[in-house]
Amino acid sequence: MQRLAVIFAGDIAAYGVMSNHYHVVFYIDAITANTWSDTEVIPGWQEPFKASNLAQRFIHGASLDPCEESKLKELIELWRK
């Protein structure tokens, strides 16, 4: 849980562990998340989830056409939220 708090710019306010599940109260720090560059958002998202092929190509320095860049910007803003 602590690692996810770092990845998603948040803090764990409280949690409860039951015998078969748990509850977490998570505070999102939107100010911090909004300061991250696109190249910071993508690796954070890739840690717990599989990022798109487009994002992986961007991280590895591939050139993207304008349509791909536009789609990647949409994805990054979704991930940032």
PDB file of N, CA and C in Angstrom:
ATOM      1  N   MET A   1       0.824  -1.192   0.000  1.00  0.00           N
ATOM      2  CA  MET A   1       0.000   0.000   0.000  1.00  0.00           C
ATOM      3  C   MET A   1       0.866   1.252   0.000  1.00  0.00           C
ATOM      4  N   GLN A   2       1.971   1.214   0.740  1.00  0.00           N
ATOM      5  CA  GLN A   2       2.846   2.399   0.793  1.00  0.00           C
ATOM      6  C   GLN A   2       3.425   2.719  -0.577  1.00  0.00           C
ATOM      7  N   ARG A   3       3.813   1.702  -1.311  1.00  0.00           N
ATOM      8  CA  ARG A   3       4.384   1.930  -2.652  1.00  0.00           C
ATOM      9  C   ARG A   3       3.347   2.550  -3.578  1.00  0.00           C
ATOM     10  N   LEU A   4       2.110   2.080  -3.511  1.00  0.00           N
ATOM     11  CA  LEU A   4       1.049   2.659  -4.331  1.00  0.00           C
ATOM     12  C   LEU A   4       0.789   4.112  -3.957  1.00  0.00           C
ATOM     13  N   ALA A   5       0.917   4.445  -2.685  1.00  0.00           N
ATOM     14  CA  ALA A   5       0.741   5.828  -2.262  1.00  0.00           C
ATOM     15  C   ALA A   5       1.787   6.726  -2.922  1.00  0.00           C
ATOM     16  N   VAL A   6       3.006   6.251  -3.034  1.00  0.00           N
ATOM     17  CA  VAL A   6       4.062   7.028  -3.695  1.00  0.00           C
ATOM     18  C   VAL A   6       3.792   7.134  -5.190  1.00  0.00           C
ATOM     19  N   ILE A   7       3.451   6.027  -5.821  1.00  0.00           N
ATOM     20  CA  ILE A   7       3.210   6.013  -7.263  1.00  0.00           C
ATOM     21  C   ILE A   7       2.065   6.938  -7.647  1.00  0.00           C
ATOM     22  N   PHE A   8       1.011   6.961  -6.843  1.00  0.00           N
ATOM     23  CA  PHE A   8      -0.182   7.717  -7.192  1.00  0.00           C
ATOM     24  C   PHE A   8      -0.300   9.042  -6.442  1.00  0.00           C
ATOM     25  N   ALA A   9       0.794   9.559  -5.918  1.00  0.00           N
ATOM     26  CA  ALA A   9       0.819  10.869  -5.248  1.00  0.00           C
ATOM     27  C   ALA A   9      -0.268  10.960  -4.189  1.00  0.00           C
ATOM     28  N   GLY A  10      -0.206  10.090  -3.234  1.00  0.00           N
ATOM     29  CA  GLY A  10      -1.230  10.109  -2.207  1.00  0.00           C
ATOM     30  C   GLY A  10      -0.699   9.708  -0.852  1.00  0.00           C
ATOM     31  N   ASP A  11      -1.601   9.727   0.086  1.00  0.00           N
ATOM     32  CA  ASP A  11      -1.295   9.306   1.445  1.00  0.00           C
ATOM     33  C   ASP A  11      -2.380   8.362   1.921  1.00  0.00           C
ATOM     34  N   ILE A  12      -1.995   7.381   2.679  1.00  0.00           N
ATOM     35  CA  ILE A  12      -2.967   6.488   3.290  1.00  0.00           C
ATOM     36  C   ILE A  12      -3.393   7.136   4.600  1.00  0.00           C
ATOM     37  N   ALA A  13      -4.668   7.538   4.657  1.00  0.00           N
ATOM     38  CA  ALA A  13      -5.182   8.206   5.849  1.00  0.00           C
ATOM     39  C   ALA A  13      -5.573   7.193   6.916  1.00  0.00           C
ATOM     40  N   ALA A  14      -6.110   6.053   6.484  1.00  0.00           N
ATOM     41  CA  ALA A  14      -6.518   5.008   7.424  1.00  0.00           C
ATOM     42  C   ALA A  14      -6.693   3.708   6.654  1.00  0.00           C
ATOM     43  N   TYR A  15      -6.631   2.610   7.372  1.00  0.00           N
ATOM     44  CA  TYR A  15      -6.925   1.327   6.749  1.00  0.00           C
ATOM     45  C   TYR A  15      -7.393   0.347   7.823  1.00  0.00           C
ATOM     46  N   GLY A  16      -8.144  -0.627   7.370  1.00  0.00           N
ATOM     47  CA  GLY A  16      -8.609  -1.681   8.259  1.00  0.00           C
ATOM     48  C   GLY A  16      -8.477  -3.016   7.551  1.00  0.00           C
ATOM     49  N   VAL A  17      -7.922  -3.980   8.253  1.00  0.00           N
ATOM     50  CA  VAL A  17      -7.719  -5.309   7.671  1.00  0.00           C
ATOM     51  C   VAL A  17      -8.708  -6.272   8.324  1.00  0.00           C
ATOM     52  N   MET A  18      -9.526  -6.889   7.466  1.00  0.00           N
ATOM     53  CA  MET A  18     -10.481  -7.876   7.940  1.00  0.00           C
ATOM     54  C   MET A  18      -9.943  -9.271   7.588  1.00  0.00           C
ATOM     55  N   SER A  19     -10.691 -10.293   7.901  1.00  0.00           N
ATOM     56  CA  SER A  19     -10.206 -11.649   7.650  1.00  0.00           C
ATOM     57  C   SER A  19     -10.146 -11.975   6.159  1.00  0.00           C
ATOM     58  N   ASN A  20     -10.999 -11.346   5.351  1.00  0.00           N
ATOM     59  CA  ASN A  20     -11.009 -11.696   3.931  1.00  0.00           C
ATOM     60  C   ASN A  20     -10.953 -10.478   2.991  1.00  0.00           C
ATOM     61  N   HIS A  21     -10.744  -9.289   3.503  1.00  0.00           N
ATOM     62  CA  HIS A  21     -10.622  -8.090   2.677  1.00  0.00           C
ATOM     63  C   HIS A  21     -10.064  -6.952   3.525  1.00  0.00           C
ATOM     64  N   TYR A  22      -9.870  -5.815   2.909  1.00  0.00           N
ATOM     65  CA  TYR A  22      -9.404  -4.650   3.646  1.00  0.00           C
ATOM     66  C   TYR A  22     -10.059  -3.392   3.099  1.00  0.00           C
ATOM     67  N   HIS A  23     -10.032  -2.329   3.899  1.00  0.00           N
ATOM     68  CA  HIS A  23     -10.556  -1.027   3.509  1.00  0.00           C
ATOM     69  C   HIS A  23      -9.415  -0.024   3.617  1.00  0.00           C
ATOM     70  N   VAL A  24      -9.356   0.894   2.662  1.00  0.00           N
ATOM     71  CA  VAL A  24      -8.310   1.916   2.677  1.00  0.00           C
ATOM     72  C   VAL A  24      -8.947   3.276   2.419  1.00  0.00           C
ATOM     73  N   VAL A  25      -8.584   4.255   3.239  1.00  0.00           N
ATOM     74  CA  VAL A  25      -8.959   5.647   2.981  1.00  0.00           C
ATOM     75  C   VAL A  25      -7.706   6.297   2.435  1.00  0.00           C
ATOM     76  N   PHE A  26      -7.789   6.714   1.178  1.00  0.00           N
ATOM     77  CA  PHE A  26      -6.622   7.198   0.442  1.00  0.00           C
ATOM     78  C   PHE A  26      -6.832   8.655   0.058  1.00  0.00           C
ATOM     79  N   TYR A  27      -5.878   9.516   0.371  1.00  0.00           N
ATOM     80  CA  TYR A  27      -5.928  10.923   0.018  1.00  0.00           C
ATOM     81  C   TYR A  27      -5.047  11.152  -1.206  1.00  0.00           C
ATOM     82  N   ILE A  28      -5.633  11.670  -2.282  1.00  0.00           N
ATOM     83  CA  ILE A  28      -4.880  11.977  -3.502  1.00  0.00           C
ATOM     84  C   ILE A  28      -4.371  13.405  -3.426  1.00  0.00           C
ATOM     85  N   ASP A  29      -3.081  13.570  -3.638  1.00  0.00           N
ATOM     86  CA  ASP A  29      -2.462  14.900  -3.664  1.00  0.00           C
ATOM     87  C   ASP A  29      -2.424  15.378  -5.119  1.00  0.00           C
ATOM     88  N   ALA A  30      -3.521  15.994  -5.552  1.00  0.00           N
ATOM     89  CA  ALA A  30      -3.649  16.438  -6.946  1.00  0.00           C
ATOM     90  C   ALA A  30      -2.609  17.493  -7.305  1.00  0.00           C
ATOM     91  N   ILE A  31      -2.213  18.320  -6.372  1.00  0.00           N
ATOM     92  CA  ILE A  31      -1.213  19.367  -6.650  1.00  0.00           C
ATOM     93  C   ILE A  31       0.108  18.726  -7.051  1.00  0.00           C
ATOM     94  N   THR A  32       0.536  17.714  -6.310  1.00  0.00           N
ATOM     95  CA  THR A  32       1.778  17.015  -6.655  1.00  0.00           C
ATOM     96  C   THR A  32       1.646  16.300  -7.994  1.00  0.00           C
ATOM     97  N   ALA A  33       0.550  15.576  -8.183  1.00  0.00           N
ATOM     98  CA  ALA A  33       0.350  14.835  -9.435  1.00  0.00           C
ATOM     99  C   ALA A  33       0.366  15.766 -10.642  1.00  0.00           C
ATOM    100  N   ASN A  34      -0.166  16.951 -10.490  1.00  0.00           N
ATOM    101  CA  ASN A  34      -0.203  17.897 -11.611  1.00  0.00           C
ATOM    102  C   ASN A  34       1.155  18.522 -11.918  1.00  0.00           C
ATOM    103  N   THR A  35       2.108  18.371 -11.015  1.00  0.00           N
ATOM    104  CA  THR A  35       3.455  18.895 -11.286  1.00  0.00           C
ATOM    105  C   THR A  35       4.325  17.887 -12.028  1.00  0.00           C
ATOM    106  N   TRP A  36       3.890  16.624 -12.084  1.00  0.00           N
ATOM    107  CA  TRP A  36       4.682  15.592 -12.747  1.00  0.00           C
ATOM    108  C   TRP A  36       4.695  15.795 -14.253  1.00  0.00           C
ATOM    109  N   SER A  37       5.845  15.591 -14.848  1.00  0.00           N
ATOM    110  CA  SER A  37       5.957  15.644 -16.306  1.00  0.00           C
ATOM    111  C   SER A  37       5.364  14.361 -16.887  1.00  0.00           C
ATOM    112  N   ASP A  38       5.135  14.381 -18.191  1.00  0.00           N
ATOM    113  CA  ASP A  38       4.614  13.185 -18.860  1.00  0.00           C
ATOM    114  C   ASP A  38       5.551  12.001 -18.670  1.00  0.00           C
ATOM    115  N   THR A  39       6.849  12.259 -18.697  1.00  0.00           N
ATOM    116  CA  THR A  39       7.821  11.169 -18.552  1.00  0.00           C
ATOM    117  C   THR A  39       7.886  10.647 -17.114  1.00  0.00           C
ATOM    118  N   GLU A  40       7.312  11.361 -16.156  1.00  0.00           N
ATOM    119  CA  GLU A  40       7.213  10.855 -14.786  1.00  0.00           C
ATOM    120  C   GLU A  40       5.918  10.071 -14.578  1.00  0.00           C
ATOM    121  N   VAL A  41       4.866  10.468 -15.263  1.00  0.00           N
ATOM    122  CA  VAL A  41       3.570   9.795 -15.106  1.00  0.00           C
ATOM    123  C   VAL A  41       3.620   8.382 -15.678  1.00  0.00           C
ATOM    124  N   ILE A  42       4.196   8.223 -16.855  1.00  0.00           N
ATOM    125  CA  ILE A  42       4.173   6.922 -17.539  1.00  0.00           C
ATOM    126  C   ILE A  42       4.855   5.817 -16.727  1.00  0.00           C
ATOM    127  N   PRO A  43       6.084   5.996 -16.255  1.00  0.00           N
ATOM    128  CA  PRO A  43       6.711   4.904 -15.490  1.00  0.00           C
ATOM    129  C   PRO A  43       5.948   4.568 -14.205  1.00  0.00           C
ATOM    130  N   GLY A  44       5.385   5.589 -13.563  1.00  0.00           N
ATOM    131  CA  GLY A  44       4.592   5.327 -12.365  1.00  0.00           C
ATOM    132  C   GLY A  44       3.388   4.459 -12.674  1.00  0.00           C
ATOM    133  N   TRP A  45       2.735   4.758 -13.793  1.00  0.00           N
ATOM    134  CA  TRP A  45       1.571   3.971 -14.203  1.00  0.00           C
ATOM    135  C   TRP A  45       1.978   2.551 -14.584  1.00  0.00           C
ATOM    136  N   GLN A  46       3.155   2.413 -15.195  1.00  0.00           N
ATOM    137  CA  GLN A  46       3.607   1.090 -15.647  1.00  0.00           C
ATOM    138  C   GLN A  46       3.960   0.166 -14.494  1.00  0.00           C
ATOM    139  N   GLU A  47       4.234   0.717 -13.326  1.00  0.00           N
ATOM    140  CA  GLU A  47       4.641  -0.162 -12.227  1.00  0.00           C
ATOM    141  C   GLU A  47       3.524  -1.111 -11.791  1.00  0.00           C
ATOM    142  N   PRO A  48       2.312  -0.611 -11.486  1.00  0.00           N
ATOM    143  CA  PRO A  48       1.259  -1.561 -11.103  1.00  0.00           C
ATOM    144  C   PRO A  48       0.421  -2.071 -12.280  1.00  0.00           C
ATOM    145  N   PHE A  49       0.446  -1.342 -13.403  1.00  0.00           N
ATOM    146  CA  PHE A  49      -0.365  -1.699 -14.567  1.00  0.00           C
ATOM    147  C   PHE A  49       0.521  -1.787 -15.795  1.00  0.00           C
ATOM    148  N   LYS A  50       0.008  -2.425 -16.829  1.00  0.00           N
ATOM    149  CA  LYS A  50       0.739  -2.467 -18.088  1.00  0.00           C
ATOM    150  C   LYS A  50       0.383  -1.208 -18.879  1.00  0.00           C
ATOM    151  N   ALA A  51       1.376  -0.399 -19.188  1.00  0.00           N
ATOM    152  CA  ALA A  51       1.143   0.800 -19.988  1.00  0.00           C
ATOM    153  C   ALA A  51       0.952   0.400 -21.442  1.00  0.00           C
ATOM    154  N   SER A  52       0.348   1.280 -22.194  1.00  0.00           N
ATOM    155  CA  SER A  52       0.093   0.994 -23.601  1.00  0.00           C
ATOM    156  C   SER A  52       1.405   0.895 -24.381  1.00  0.00           C
ATOM    157  N   ASN A  53       1.325   0.238 -25.512  1.00  0.00           N
ATOM    158  CA  ASN A  53       2.469   0.134 -26.411  1.00  0.00           C
ATOM    159  C   ASN A  53       2.938   1.527 -26.822  1.00  0.00           C
ATOM    160  N   LEU A  54       2.000   2.422 -27.028  1.00  0.00           N
ATOM    161  CA  LEU A  54       2.314   3.794 -27.400  1.00  0.00           C
ATOM    162  C   LEU A  54       3.169   4.472 -26.326  1.00  0.00           C
ATOM    163  N   ALA A  55       2.788   4.317 -25.074  1.00  0.00           N
ATOM    164  CA  ALA A  55       3.546   4.904 -23.970  1.00  0.00           C
ATOM    165  C   ALA A  55       4.933   4.283 -23.864  1.00  0.00           C
ATOM    166  N   GLN A  56       5.019   2.989 -24.062  1.00  0.00           N
ATOM    167  CA  GLN A  56       6.318   2.320 -23.993  1.00  0.00           C
ATOM    168  C   GLN A  56       7.235   2.805 -25.110  1.00  0.00           C
ATOM    169  N   ARG A  57       6.676   2.986 -26.296  1.00  0.00           N
ATOM    170  CA  ARG A  57       7.478   3.507 -27.414  1.00  0.00           C
ATOM    171  C   ARG A  57       7.988   4.912 -27.094  1.00  0.00           C
ATOM    172  N   PHE A  58       7.137   5.753 -26.512  1.00  0.00           N
ATOM    173  CA  PHE A  58       7.516   7.121 -26.150  1.00  0.00           C
ATOM    174  C   PHE A  58       8.663   7.118 -25.141  1.00  0.00           C
ATOM    175  N   ILE A  59       8.539   6.297 -24.108  1.00  0.00           N
ATOM    176  CA  ILE A  59       9.570   6.216 -23.066  1.00  0.00           C
ATOM    177  C   ILE A  59      10.908   5.772 -23.642  1.00  0.00           C
ATOM    178  N   HIS A  60      10.866   4.906 -24.660  1.00  0.00           N
ATOM    179  CA  HIS A  60      12.103   4.404 -25.261  1.00  0.00           C
ATOM    180  C   HIS A  60      12.624   5.299 -26.383  1.00  0.00           C
ATOM    181  N   GLY A  61      12.038   6.488 -26.540  1.00  0.00           N
ATOM    182  CA  GLY A  61      12.576   7.471 -27.472  1.00  0.00           C
ATOM    183  C   GLY A  61      12.097   7.376 -28.906  1.00  0.00           C
ATOM    184  N   ALA A  62      11.086   6.576 -29.177  1.00  0.00           N
ATOM    185  CA  ALA A  62      10.567   6.465 -30.547  1.00  0.00           C
ATOM    186  C   ALA A  62       9.864   7.767 -30.936  1.00  0.00           C
ATOM    187  N   SER A  63       9.961   8.133 -32.195  1.00  0.00           N
ATOM    188  CA  SER A  63       9.241   9.317 -32.655  1.00  0.00           C
ATOM    189  C   SER A  63       7.785   8.931 -32.920  1.00  0.00           C
ATOM    190  N   LEU A  64       6.880   9.813 -32.515  1.00  0.00           N
ATOM    191  CA  LEU A  64       5.451   9.577 -32.681  1.00  0.00           C
ATOM    192  C   LEU A  64       4.895  10.581 -33.679  1.00  0.00           C
ATOM    193  N   ASP A  65       3.926  10.135 -34.462  1.00  0.00           N
ATOM    194  CA  ASP A  65       3.286  11.074 -35.379  1.00  0.00           C
ATOM    195  C   ASP A  65       2.293  11.932 -34.580  1.00  0.00           C
ATOM    196  N   PRO A  66       1.810  13.032 -35.137  1.00  0.00           N
ATOM    197  CA  PRO A  66       0.928  13.935 -34.386  1.00  0.00           C
ATOM    198  C   PRO A  66      -0.319  13.255 -33.810  1.00  0.00           C
ATOM    199  N   CYS A  67      -0.886  12.316 -34.530  1.00  0.00           N
ATOM    200  CA  CYS A  67      -2.067  11.603 -34.045  1.00  0.00           C
ATOM    201  C   CYS A  67      -1.711  10.750 -32.814  1.00  0.00           C
ATOM    202  N   GLU A  68      -0.578  10.086 -32.866  1.00  0.00           N
ATOM    203  CA  GLU A  68      -0.123   9.275 -31.730  1.00  0.00           C
ATOM    204  C   GLU A  68       0.193  10.159 -30.528  1.00  0.00           C
ATOM    205  N   GLU A  69       0.825  11.298 -30.768  1.00  0.00           N
ATOM    206  CA  GLU A  69       1.134  12.228 -29.676  1.00  0.00           C
ATOM    207  C   GLU A  69      -0.140  12.702 -28.990  1.00  0.00           C
ATOM    208  N   SER A  70      -1.162  13.012 -29.782  1.00  0.00           N
ATOM    209  CA  SER A  70      -2.433  13.465 -29.237  1.00  0.00           C
ATOM    210  C   SER A  70      -3.070  12.387 -28.371  1.00  0.00           C
ATOM    211  N   LYS A  71      -3.079  11.172 -28.855  1.00  0.00           N
ATOM    212  CA  LYS A  71      -3.658  10.057 -28.096  1.00  0.00           C
ATOM    213  C   LYS A  71      -2.871   9.794 -26.816  1.00  0.00           C
ATOM    214  N   LEU A  72      -1.545   9.877 -26.894  1.00  0.00           N
ATOM    215  CA  LEU A  72      -0.718   9.666 -25.713  1.00  0.00           C
ATOM    216  C   LEU A  72      -0.994  10.745 -24.663  1.00  0.00           C
ATOM    217  N   LYS A  73      -1.162  11.988 -25.088  1.00  0.00           N
ATOM    218  CA  LYS A  73      -1.480  13.076 -24.148  1.00  0.00           C
ATOM    219  C   LYS A  73      -2.797  12.789 -23.431  1.00  0.00           C
ATOM    220  N   GLU A  74      -3.788  12.269 -24.181  1.00  0.00           N
ATOM    221  CA  GLU A  74      -5.074  11.908 -23.555  1.00  0.00           C
ATOM    222  C   GLU A  74      -4.875  10.833 -22.493  1.00  0.00           C
ATOM    223  N   LEU A  75      -4.102   9.810 -22.822  1.00  0.00           N
ATOM    224  CA  LEU A  75      -3.850   8.722 -21.876  1.00  0.00           C
ATOM    225  C   LEU A  75      -3.133   9.233 -20.623  1.00  0.00           C
ATOM    226  N   ILE A  76      -2.132  10.058 -20.824  1.00  0.00           N
ATOM    227  CA  ILE A  76      -1.356  10.569 -19.694  1.00  0.00           C
ATOM    228  C   ILE A  76      -2.231  11.401 -18.768  1.00  0.00           C
ATOM    229  N   GLU A  77      -3.110  12.226 -19.332  1.00  0.00           N
ATOM    230  CA  GLU A  77      -4.001  13.026 -18.484  1.00  0.00           C
ATOM    231  C   GLU A  77      -4.969  12.140 -17.713  1.00  0.00           C
ATOM    232  N   LEU A  78      -5.432  11.067 -18.343  1.00  0.00           N
ATOM    233  CA  LEU A  78      -6.293  10.113 -17.638  1.00  0.00           C
ATOM    234  C   LEU A  78      -5.535   9.466 -16.487  1.00  0.00           C
ATOM    235  N   TRP A  79      -4.316   9.016 -16.753  1.00  0.00           N
ATOM    236  CA  TRP A  79      -3.496   8.381 -15.724  1.00  0.00           C
ATOM    237  C   TRP A  79      -3.158   9.368 -14.600  1.00  0.00           C
ATOM    238  N   ARG A  80      -2.916  10.604 -14.950  1.00  0.00           N
ATOM    239  CA  ARG A  80      -2.574  11.618 -13.945  1.00  0.00           C
ATOM    240  C   ARG A  80      -3.752  11.834 -12.985  1.00  0.00           C
ATOM    241  N   LYS A  81      -4.957  11.774 -13.503  1.00  0.00           N
ATOM    242  CA  LYS A  81      -6.160  11.954 -12.657  1.00  0.00           C
ATOM    243  C   LYS A  81      -6.335  10.769 -11.728  1.00  0.00           C
TER     244      LYS A  81
END
